[in-house]
Amino acid sequence: MLGVVLALAVVADWLRQRVSAALLTGKVETMSVSINSDLGESLGIHSFGNDDALMDLIDTANVACGFHAGDPVCIRETVAKAATAGVSVGAHPGLPDIVGFGRREMKLSPEEVRDLVLYQVGALKGFLDAEGLPLDHIKPHGSLYGMVGREDALMNAVCDVALQFEVPVYGIAGSAHERVARQRKVPFVAEFYVDLAYRADGTLIILRRPHATPVDLAAERARLALTEGVAIADTGERIRVSVDTICVHSDTPNAVEVATAVRKTITSL
């Protein structure tokens, strides 16, 4: 009984502080869910994505590190823009497949996954150091994201690198992303997608080419995930999801409109 009383007292004190803050500032604290986007995926003179417009709408940028997209100039420019915008930067390492944009699976050993992730994260870290920015996290790209989400051994390789740089990993809750990260005591950030469809087993349907997601659909997906902890699978089932951060892909035709709608949804809750 004493434990219950103490717990209620803690909750009451927390509510009192929030109400007092609201009365003083006229503002109510909004939900602490961030928006992230995969940026820096241009190559040479070829530009892709809505990076510049998204910088003012997102909290965190996952920057391509050169294997699936991006090059040294692009990495430097993206990191500099993020620094100016006050956006944190994580590494977005992909498979060595520029032609397939890292969205074609490869047969790799855990050692190969560890080395290619380490190589790319190390490259980005150099540019971050030059700007005086910390590395925020690691989020694998495309097919690599799916591969390490299914195979514990491959996710262990990613965790090796995360532990080396002492950063969290982004991933899908309930997958090998979360399971292995927690086993290895790597901080885990549960990610939700509003511009990709989910299968009934909770895995993502990753298309080879970007497509526009109706803004109303993206906003409703965000609302449903944040308020009920569910997503609607492509076959109609309601599946459980966890959300610490919402991803809006930069290379879709209406990425800016989707990000704007998601920001409004978060703010309204």
C-alpha atoms as a PDB file:
ATOM      1  CA  MET A   1       0.000   0.000   0.000  1.00  0.00           C
ATOM      2  CA  LEU A   2       2.822   2.386   0.880  1.00  0.00           C
ATOM      3  CA  GLY A   3       4.364   1.746  -2.547  1.00  0.00           C
ATOM      4  CA  VAL A   4       1.099   2.644  -4.262  1.00  0.00           C
ATOM      5  CA  VAL A   5       0.794   5.848  -2.250  1.00  0.00           C
ATOM      6  CA  LEU A   6       4.333   6.880  -3.127  1.00  0.00           C
ATOM      7  CA  ALA A   7       3.751   6.138  -6.811  1.00  0.00           C
ATOM      8  CA  LEU A   8       0.575   8.239  -6.805  1.00  0.00           C
ATOM      9  CA  ALA A   9       2.455  11.053  -5.096  1.00  0.00           C
ATOM     10  CA  VAL A  10       5.135  11.012  -7.803  1.00  0.00           C
ATOM     11  CA  VAL A  11       2.499  11.137 -10.534  1.00  0.00           C
ATOM     12  CA  ALA A  12       0.653  13.960  -8.777  1.00  0.00           C
ATOM     13  CA  ASP A  13       3.871  15.976  -8.447  1.00  0.00           C
ATOM     14  CA  TRP A  14       4.663  15.405 -12.146  1.00  0.00           C
ATOM     15  CA  LEU A  15       1.173  16.640 -13.136  1.00  0.00           C
ATOM     16  CA  ARG A  16       1.483  19.649 -10.838  1.00  0.00           C
ATOM     17  CA  GLN A  17       4.756  20.650 -12.467  1.00  0.00           C
ATOM     18  CA  ARG A  18       3.284  20.303 -15.961  1.00  0.00           C
ATOM     19  CA  VAL A  19       0.190  22.330 -15.096  1.00  0.00           C
ATOM     20  CA  SER A  20       2.310  25.050 -13.479  1.00  0.00           C
ATOM     21  CA  ALA A  21       4.525  25.207 -16.562  1.00  0.00           C
ATOM     22  CA  ALA A  22       1.488  25.457 -18.822  1.00  0.00           C
ATOM     23  CA  LEU A  23       0.026  28.306 -16.755  1.00  0.00           C
ATOM     24  CA  LEU A  24       3.309  30.199 -16.779  1.00  0.00           C
ATOM     25  CA  THR A  25       4.113  29.785 -20.452  1.00  0.00           C
ATOM     26  CA  GLY A  26       0.691  29.370 -21.974  1.00  0.00           C
ATOM     27  CA  LYS A  27       1.945  26.230 -23.691  1.00  0.00           C
ATOM     28  CA  VAL A  28       1.281  22.551 -23.193  1.00  0.00           C
ATOM     29  CA  GLU A  29       4.194  20.161 -23.639  1.00  0.00           C
ATOM     30  CA  THR A  30       3.827  18.192 -26.890  1.00  0.00           C
ATOM     31  CA  MET A  31       4.616  14.568 -27.528  1.00  0.00           C
ATOM     32  CA  SER A  32       8.378  13.881 -27.609  1.00  0.00           C
ATOM     33  CA  VAL A  33       8.513  11.958 -30.864  1.00  0.00           C
ATOM     34  CA  SER A  34      11.075  13.091 -33.420  1.00  0.00           C
ATOM     35  CA  ILE A  35      11.029  13.172 -37.222  1.00  0.00           C
ATOM     36  CA  ASN A  36      14.007  11.801 -39.127  1.00  0.00           C
ATOM     37  CA  SER A  37      14.817  11.694 -42.816  1.00  0.00           C
ATOM     38  CA  ASP A  38      17.420  10.002 -45.026  1.00  0.00           C
ATOM     39  CA  LEU A  39      19.460  12.808 -46.597  1.00  0.00           C
ATOM     40  CA  GLY A  40      22.637  13.336 -48.585  1.00  0.00           C
ATOM     41  CA  GLU A  41      21.725  10.767 -51.220  1.00  0.00           C
ATOM     42  CA  SER A  42      22.905  12.829 -54.189  1.00  0.00           C
ATOM     43  CA  LEU A  43      25.914  11.858 -56.259  1.00  0.00           C
ATOM     44  CA  GLY A  44      28.230  14.221 -58.108  1.00  0.00           C
ATOM     45  CA  ILE A  45      26.185  16.637 -60.215  1.00  0.00           C
ATOM     46  CA  HIS A  46      23.062  14.508 -59.812  1.00  0.00           C
ATOM     47  CA  SER A  47      20.757  15.757 -57.082  1.00  0.00           C
ATOM     48  CA  PHE A  48      18.078  13.642 -55.406  1.00  0.00           C
ATOM     49  CA  GLY A  49      15.649  14.303 -52.616  1.00  0.00           C
ATOM     50  CA  ASN A  50      14.158  17.370 -50.973  1.00  0.00           C
ATOM     51  CA  ASP A  51      16.979  17.853 -48.509  1.00  0.00           C
ATOM     52  CA  ASP A  52      17.028  21.647 -48.221  1.00  0.00           C
ATOM     53  CA  ALA A  53      13.280  22.001 -47.681  1.00  0.00           C
ATOM     54  CA  LEU A  54      13.183  19.159 -45.162  1.00  0.00           C
ATOM     55  CA  MET A  55      15.928  20.573 -42.938  1.00  0.00           C
ATOM     56  CA  ASP A  56      13.447  22.965 -41.312  1.00  0.00           C
ATOM     57  CA  LEU A  57      10.909  20.204 -40.679  1.00  0.00           C
ATOM     58  CA  ILE A  58      12.979  17.364 -39.223  1.00  0.00           C
ATOM     59  CA  ASP A  59      14.924  16.761 -36.026  1.00  0.00           C
ATOM     60  CA  THR A  60      17.476  14.248 -37.269  1.00  0.00           C
ATOM     61  CA  ALA A  61      19.189  13.520 -40.586  1.00  0.00           C
ATOM     62  CA  ASN A  62      20.405  10.047 -41.528  1.00  0.00           C
ATOM     63  CA  VAL A  63      23.239  10.862 -43.908  1.00  0.00           C
ATOM     64  CA  ALA A  64      24.254   8.501 -46.700  1.00  0.00           C
ATOM     65  CA  CYS A  65      27.899   7.505 -46.398  1.00  0.00           C
ATOM     66  CA  GLY A  66      28.924   6.749 -49.994  1.00  0.00           C
ATOM     67  CA  PHE A  67      28.072   3.107 -50.658  1.00  0.00           C
ATOM     68  CA  HIS A  68      24.462   3.296 -51.866  1.00  0.00           C
ATOM     69  CA  ALA A  69      24.561   7.053 -52.503  1.00  0.00           C
ATOM     70  CA  GLY A  70      26.405  10.179 -51.496  1.00  0.00           C
ATOM     71  CA  ASP A  71      29.972  11.281 -52.094  1.00  0.00           C
ATOM     72  CA  PRO A  72      32.525  13.273 -50.058  1.00  0.00           C
ATOM     73  CA  VAL A  73      31.278  16.665 -51.252  1.00  0.00           C
ATOM     74  CA  CYS A  74      27.665  15.702 -50.667  1.00  0.00           C
ATOM     75  CA  ILE A  75      28.440  14.389 -47.176  1.00  0.00           C
ATOM     76  CA  ARG A  76      30.300  17.575 -46.261  1.00  0.00           C
ATOM     77  CA  GLU A  77      27.547  19.851 -47.571  1.00  0.00           C
ATOM     78  CA  THR A  78      24.784  17.869 -45.871  1.00  0.00           C
ATOM     79  CA  VAL A  79      26.573  17.855 -42.519  1.00  0.00           C
ATOM     80  CA  ALA A  80      27.208  21.606 -42.778  1.00  0.00           C
ATOM     81  CA  LYS A  81      23.547  22.308 -43.567  1.00  0.00           C
ATOM     82  CA  ALA A  82      22.440  20.132 -40.669  1.00  0.00           C
ATOM     83  CA  ALA A  83      24.754  22.034 -38.337  1.00  0.00           C
ATOM     84  CA  THR A  84      23.273  25.355 -39.471  1.00  0.00           C
ATOM     85  CA  ALA A  85      19.710  24.067 -39.060  1.00  0.00           C
ATOM     86  CA  GLY A  86      20.360  22.547 -35.636  1.00  0.00           C
ATOM     87  CA  VAL A  87      19.564  19.065 -36.923  1.00  0.00           C
ATOM     88  CA  SER A  88      21.355  16.078 -35.377  1.00  0.00           C
ATOM     89  CA  VAL A  89      23.151  13.681 -37.727  1.00  0.00           C
ATOM     90  CA  GLY A  90      23.301   9.911 -37.773  1.00  0.00           C
ATOM     91  CA  ALA A  91      25.014   7.515 -40.163  1.00  0.00           C
ATOM     92  CA  HIS A  92      22.992   5.828 -42.902  1.00  0.00           C
ATOM     93  CA  PRO A  93      25.294   3.081 -44.201  1.00  0.00           C
ATOM     94  CA  GLY A  94      24.084   0.958 -47.097  1.00  0.00           C
ATOM     95  CA  LEU A  95      25.104  -1.925 -49.308  1.00  0.00           C
ATOM     96  CA  PRO A  96      27.807  -1.229 -51.916  1.00  0.00           C
ATOM     97  CA  ASP A  97      25.292  -0.951 -54.752  1.00  0.00           C
ATOM     98  CA  ILE A  98      24.950   2.529 -56.241  1.00  0.00           C
ATOM     99  CA  VAL A  99      23.115   1.292 -59.342  1.00  0.00           C
ATOM    100  CA  GLY A 100      20.479  -0.436 -57.199  1.00  0.00           C
ATOM    101  CA  PHE A 101      20.469   2.368 -54.618  1.00  0.00           C
ATOM    102  CA  GLY A 102      21.217  -0.204 -51.916  1.00  0.00           C
ATOM    103  CA  ARG A 103      17.797  -1.771 -52.376  1.00  0.00           C
ATOM    104  CA  ARG A 104      18.997  -5.126 -53.729  1.00  0.00           C
ATOM    105  CA  GLU A 105      19.990  -7.723 -51.168  1.00  0.00           C
ATOM    106  CA  MET A 106      23.476  -9.229 -51.088  1.00  0.00           C
ATOM    107  CA  LYS A 107      24.835 -12.371 -49.457  1.00  0.00           C
ATOM    108  CA  LEU A 108      27.207 -11.092 -46.780  1.00  0.00           C
ATOM    109  CA  SER A 109      28.903 -12.548 -43.734  1.00  0.00           C
ATOM    110  CA  PRO A 110      28.634 -10.811 -40.353  1.00  0.00           C
ATOM    111  CA  GLU A 111      32.274  -9.778 -40.699  1.00  0.00           C
ATOM    112  CA  GLU A 112      31.561  -8.152 -44.060  1.00  0.00           C
ATOM    113  CA  VAL A 113      28.565  -6.291 -42.651  1.00  0.00           C
ATOM    114  CA  ARG A 114      30.607  -5.061 -39.704  1.00  0.00           C
ATOM    115  CA  ASP A 115      33.412  -3.832 -41.947  1.00  0.00           C
ATOM    116  CA  LEU A 116      31.223  -2.047 -44.495  1.00  0.00           C
ATOM    117  CA  VAL A 117      29.233  -0.343 -41.720  1.00  0.00           C
ATOM    118  CA  LEU A 118      32.408   0.619 -39.858  1.00  0.00           C
ATOM    119  CA  TYR A 119      33.958   2.002 -43.051  1.00  0.00           C
ATOM    120  CA  GLN A 120      30.968   4.210 -43.790  1.00  0.00           C
ATOM    121  CA  VAL A 121      30.369   5.397 -40.240  1.00  0.00           C
ATOM    122  CA  GLY A 122      34.047   6.261 -39.957  1.00  0.00           C
ATOM    123  CA  ALA A 123      33.837   8.372 -43.119  1.00  0.00           C
ATOM    124  CA  LEU A 124      30.856  10.342 -41.845  1.00  0.00           C
ATOM    125  CA  LYS A 125      32.449  10.760 -38.421  1.00  0.00           C
ATOM    126  CA  GLY A 126      35.376  12.572 -40.021  1.00  0.00           C
ATOM    127  CA  PHE A 127      33.055  15.181 -41.520  1.00  0.00           C
ATOM    128  CA  LEU A 128      31.119  15.500 -38.275  1.00  0.00           C
ATOM    129  CA  ASP A 129      34.341  16.110 -36.373  1.00  0.00           C
ATOM    130  CA  ALA A 130      35.235  18.844 -38.846  1.00  0.00           C
ATOM    131  CA  GLU A 131      31.922  20.597 -38.076  1.00  0.00           C
ATOM    132  CA  GLY A 132      32.139  19.953 -34.346  1.00  0.00           C
ATOM    133  CA  LEU A 133      29.030  17.747 -34.379  1.00  0.00           C
ATOM    134  CA  PRO A 134      28.588  14.442 -32.542  1.00  0.00           C
ATOM    135  CA  LEU A 135      27.495  11.243 -34.255  1.00  0.00           C
ATOM    136  CA  ASP A 136      23.891  10.748 -33.146  1.00  0.00           C
ATOM    137  CA  HIS A 137      23.098   7.157 -34.187  1.00  0.00           C
ATOM    138  CA  ILE A 138      23.413   4.443 -36.831  1.00  0.00           C
ATOM    139  CA  LYS A 139      20.523   3.526 -39.121  1.00  0.00           C
ATOM    140  CA  PRO A 140      21.229   1.008 -41.908  1.00  0.00           C
ATOM    141  CA  HIS A 141      19.745   1.788 -45.318  1.00  0.00           C
ATOM    142  CA  GLY A 142      17.378  -0.090 -47.598  1.00  0.00           C
ATOM    143  CA  SER A 143      18.030  -3.791 -48.037  1.00  0.00           C
ATOM    144  CA  LEU A 144      20.752  -3.753 -45.383  1.00  0.00           C
ATOM    145  CA  TYR A 145      18.122  -2.478 -42.929  1.00  0.00           C
ATOM    146  CA  GLY A 146      15.910  -5.427 -43.817  1.00  0.00           C
ATOM    147  CA  MET A 147      18.729  -7.970 -43.699  1.00  0.00           C
ATOM    148  CA  VAL A 148      19.932  -6.984 -40.239  1.00  0.00           C
ATOM    149  CA  GLY A 149      16.321  -6.812 -39.057  1.00  0.00           C
ATOM    150  CA  ARG A 150      15.909 -10.528 -39.835  1.00  0.00           C
ATOM    151  CA  GLU A 151      19.290 -12.044 -38.996  1.00  0.00           C
ATOM    152  CA  ASP A 152      20.671 -11.769 -35.475  1.00  0.00           C
ATOM    153  CA  ALA A 153      24.226 -12.442 -36.595  1.00  0.00           C
ATOM    154  CA  LEU A 154      24.157  -9.504 -39.011  1.00  0.00           C
ATOM    155  CA  MET A 155      22.573  -7.198 -36.453  1.00  0.00           C
ATOM    156  CA  ASN A 156      25.284  -8.197 -34.007  1.00  0.00           C
ATOM    157  CA  ALA A 157      27.777  -6.845 -36.529  1.00  0.00           C
ATOM    158  CA  VAL A 158      25.983  -3.501 -36.615  1.00  0.00           C
ATOM    159  CA  CYS A 159      25.959  -3.443 -32.815  1.00  0.00           C
ATOM    160  CA  ASP A 160      29.729  -3.970 -32.807  1.00  0.00           C
ATOM    161  CA  VAL A 161      30.072  -0.649 -34.614  1.00  0.00           C
ATOM    162  CA  ALA A 162      27.438   1.094 -32.482  1.00  0.00           C
ATOM    163  CA  LEU A 163      29.305   0.060 -29.350  1.00  0.00           C
ATOM    164  CA  GLN A 164      32.584   1.256 -30.807  1.00  0.00           C
ATOM    165  CA  PHE A 165      31.131   4.729 -31.456  1.00  0.00           C
ATOM    166  CA  GLU A 166      28.872   4.622 -28.368  1.00  0.00           C
ATOM    167  CA  VAL A 167      25.678   5.526 -30.240  1.00  0.00           C
ATOM    168  CA  PRO A 168      22.131   4.119 -30.483  1.00  0.00           C
ATOM    169  CA  VAL A 169      20.743   2.196 -33.434  1.00  0.00           C
ATOM    170  CA  TYR A 170      17.469   2.909 -35.220  1.00  0.00           C
ATOM    171  CA  GLY A 171      15.204   0.028 -36.178  1.00  0.00           C
ATOM    172  CA  ILE A 172      11.857  -1.720 -36.143  1.00  0.00           C
ATOM    173  CA  ALA A 173      10.525  -2.709 -32.725  1.00  0.00           C
ATOM    174  CA  GLY A 174      10.097  -6.446 -32.262  1.00  0.00           C
ATOM    175  CA  SER A 175      12.623  -7.332 -34.956  1.00  0.00           C
ATOM    176  CA  ALA A 176      16.250  -8.404 -34.689  1.00  0.00           C
ATOM    177  CA  HIS A 177      17.031  -4.678 -34.625  1.00  0.00           C
ATOM    178  CA  GLU A 178      15.552  -4.365 -31.160  1.00  0.00           C
ATOM    179  CA  ARG A 179      16.187  -7.893 -29.906  1.00  0.00           C
ATOM    180  CA  VAL A 180      19.927  -7.887 -30.575  1.00  0.00           C
ATOM    181  CA  ALA A 181      20.421  -4.251 -29.562  1.00  0.00           C
ATOM    182  CA  ARG A 182      18.904  -4.954 -26.166  1.00  0.00           C
ATOM    183  CA  GLN A 183      20.977  -8.127 -25.793  1.00  0.00           C
ATOM    184  CA  ARG A 184      24.123  -6.137 -26.555  1.00  0.00           C
ATOM    185  CA  LYS A 185      23.000  -3.207 -24.373  1.00  0.00           C
ATOM    186  CA  VAL A 186      23.005  -0.821 -27.319  1.00  0.00           C
ATOM    187  CA  PRO A 187      20.414   1.979 -26.941  1.00  0.00           C
ATOM    188  CA  PHE A 188      17.547   1.309 -29.335  1.00  0.00           C
ATOM    189  CA  VAL A 189      15.294   3.861 -31.062  1.00  0.00           C
ATOM    190  CA  ALA A 190      12.019   2.455 -32.414  1.00  0.00           C
ATOM    191  CA  GLU A 191      11.271   3.820 -35.855  1.00  0.00           C
ATOM    192  CA  PHE A 192       7.932   4.103 -37.655  1.00  0.00           C
ATOM    193  CA  TYR A 193       7.340   4.800 -41.344  1.00  0.00           C
ATOM    194  CA  VAL A 194       4.411   6.800 -42.694  1.00  0.00           C
ATOM    195  CA  ASP A 195       5.421   6.534 -46.355  1.00  0.00           C
ATOM    196  CA  LEU A 196       5.945   2.766 -46.533  1.00  0.00           C
ATOM    197  CA  ALA A 197       3.460  -0.066 -46.150  1.00  0.00           C
ATOM    198  CA  TYR A 198       3.788  -2.836 -43.570  1.00  0.00           C
ATOM    199  CA  ARG A 199       3.225  -6.556 -43.987  1.00  0.00           C
ATOM    200  CA  ALA A 200       1.153  -8.465 -41.443  1.00  0.00           C
ATOM    201  CA  ASP A 201       4.383  -9.757 -39.839  1.00  0.00           C
ATOM    202  CA  GLY A 202       5.531  -6.181 -39.157  1.00  0.00           C
ATOM    203  CA  THR A 203       8.172  -6.018 -41.883  1.00  0.00           C
ATOM    204  CA  LEU A 204       8.346  -3.147 -44.344  1.00  0.00           C
ATOM    205  CA  ILE A 205       7.483  -3.287 -48.024  1.00  0.00           C
ATOM    206  CA  ILE A 206      10.453  -1.480 -49.589  1.00  0.00           C
ATOM    207  CA  LEU A 207       9.925  -0.456 -53.212  1.00  0.00           C
ATOM    208  CA  ARG A 208      12.785   0.031 -55.667  1.00  0.00           C
ATOM    209  CA  ARG A 209      11.487   3.424 -56.827  1.00  0.00           C
ATOM    210  CA  PRO A 210      10.130   6.274 -54.667  1.00  0.00           C
ATOM    211  CA  HIS A 211       6.415   6.987 -54.783  1.00  0.00           C
ATOM    212  CA  ALA A 212       4.113   9.686 -53.426  1.00  0.00           C
ATOM    213  CA  THR A 213       2.127   8.865 -50.303  1.00  0.00           C
ATOM    214  CA  PRO A 214      -1.212  10.689 -49.930  1.00  0.00           C
ATOM    215  CA  VAL A 215      -0.725  13.327 -47.241  1.00  0.00           C
ATOM    216  CA  ASP A 216      -3.947  12.402 -45.435  1.00  0.00           C
ATOM    217  CA  LEU A 217      -2.859   8.753 -45.339  1.00  0.00           C
ATOM    218  CA  ALA A 218       0.558   9.658 -43.909  1.00  0.00           C
ATOM    219  CA  ALA A 219      -1.041  11.836 -41.221  1.00  0.00           C
ATOM    220  CA  GLU A 220      -3.531   9.105 -40.313  1.00  0.00           C
ATOM    221  CA  ARG A 221      -0.762   6.501 -40.113  1.00  0.00           C
ATOM    222  CA  ALA A 222       1.139   8.775 -37.734  1.00  0.00           C
ATOM    223  CA  ARG A 223      -1.957   9.468 -35.619  1.00  0.00           C
ATOM    224  CA  LEU A 224      -2.880   5.800 -35.362  1.00  0.00           C
ATOM    225  CA  ALA A 225       0.659   4.743 -34.439  1.00  0.00           C
ATOM    226  CA  LEU A 226       1.053   7.473 -31.819  1.00  0.00           C
ATOM    227  CA  THR A 227      -2.373   7.214 -30.187  1.00  0.00           C
ATOM    228  CA  GLU A 228      -3.142   3.497 -30.480  1.00  0.00           C
ATOM    229  CA  GLY A 229       0.254   1.914 -31.119  1.00  0.00           C
ATOM    230  CA  VAL A 230      -0.936   0.184 -34.276  1.00  0.00           C
ATOM    231  CA  ALA A 231      -0.447   0.233 -38.037  1.00  0.00           C
ATOM    232  CA  ILE A 232      -2.688  -1.215 -40.726  1.00  0.00           C
ATOM    233  CA  ALA A 233      -0.926  -3.922 -42.762  1.00  0.00           C
ATOM    234  CA  ASP A 234      -1.279  -4.050 -46.542  1.00  0.00           C
ATOM    235  CA  THR A 235      -3.642  -6.989 -46.071  1.00  0.00           C
ATOM    236  CA  GLY A 236      -5.809  -5.148 -43.544  1.00  0.00           C
ATOM    237  CA  GLU A 237      -4.588  -6.533 -40.204  1.00  0.00           C
ATOM    238  CA  ARG A 238      -3.937  -4.212 -37.261  1.00  0.00           C
ATOM    239  CA  ILE A 239      -0.359  -4.774 -36.099  1.00  0.00           C
ATOM    240  CA  ARG A 240       1.382  -3.471 -32.985  1.00  0.00           C
ATOM    241  CA  VAL A 241       4.059  -0.810 -33.443  1.00  0.00           C
ATOM    242  CA  SER A 242       6.280   1.256 -31.162  1.00  0.00           C
ATOM    243  CA  VAL A 243       7.301   4.789 -32.058  1.00  0.00           C
ATOM    244  CA  ASP A 244      10.208   6.885 -30.812  1.00  0.00           C
ATOM    245  CA  THR A 245      10.845   8.550 -34.171  1.00  0.00           C
ATOM    246  CA  ILE A 246       8.986   8.817 -37.476  1.00  0.00           C
ATOM    247  CA  CYS A 247      10.835   8.554 -40.781  1.00  0.00           C
ATOM    248  CA  VAL A 248       9.849  10.600 -43.823  1.00  0.00           C
ATOM    249  CA  HIS A 249      11.877   9.641 -46.892  1.00  0.00           C
ATOM    250  CA  SER A 250      13.431  12.604 -48.687  1.00  0.00           C
ATOM    251  CA  ASP A 251      13.266  11.159 -52.205  1.00  0.00           C
ATOM    252  CA  THR A 252       9.491  10.920 -52.545  1.00  0.00           C
ATOM    253  CA  PRO A 253       7.746  13.521 -54.730  1.00  0.00           C
ATOM    254  CA  ASN A 254       5.740  15.029 -51.841  1.00  0.00           C
ATOM    255  CA  ALA A 255       8.173  14.500 -48.981  1.00  0.00           C
ATOM    256  CA  VAL A 256       7.860  18.103 -47.754  1.00  0.00           C
ATOM    257  CA  GLU A 257       4.066  17.927 -47.608  1.00  0.00           C
ATOM    258  CA  VAL A 258       4.216  14.582 -45.787  1.00  0.00           C
ATOM    259  CA  ALA A 259       6.739  15.876 -43.252  1.00  0.00           C
ATOM    260  CA  THR A 260       4.626  18.981 -42.665  1.00  0.00           C
ATOM    261  CA  ALA A 261       1.542  16.849 -42.028  1.00  0.00           C
ATOM    262  CA  VAL A 262       3.420  14.547 -39.657  1.00  0.00           C
ATOM    263  CA  ARG A 263       4.778  17.530 -37.707  1.00  0.00           C
ATOM    264  CA  LYS A 264       1.255  18.924 -37.334  1.00  0.00           C
ATOM    265  CA  THR A 265       0.011  15.529 -36.151  1.00  0.00           C
ATOM    266  CA  ILE A 266       2.739  15.238 -33.499  1.00  0.00           C
ATOM    267  CA  THR A 267       2.158  18.788 -32.310  1.00  0.00           C
ATOM    268  CA  SER A 268      -1.571  18.246 -32.003  1.00  0.00           C
ATOM    269  CA  LEU A 269      -1.243  15.240 -29.685  1.00  0.00           C
END
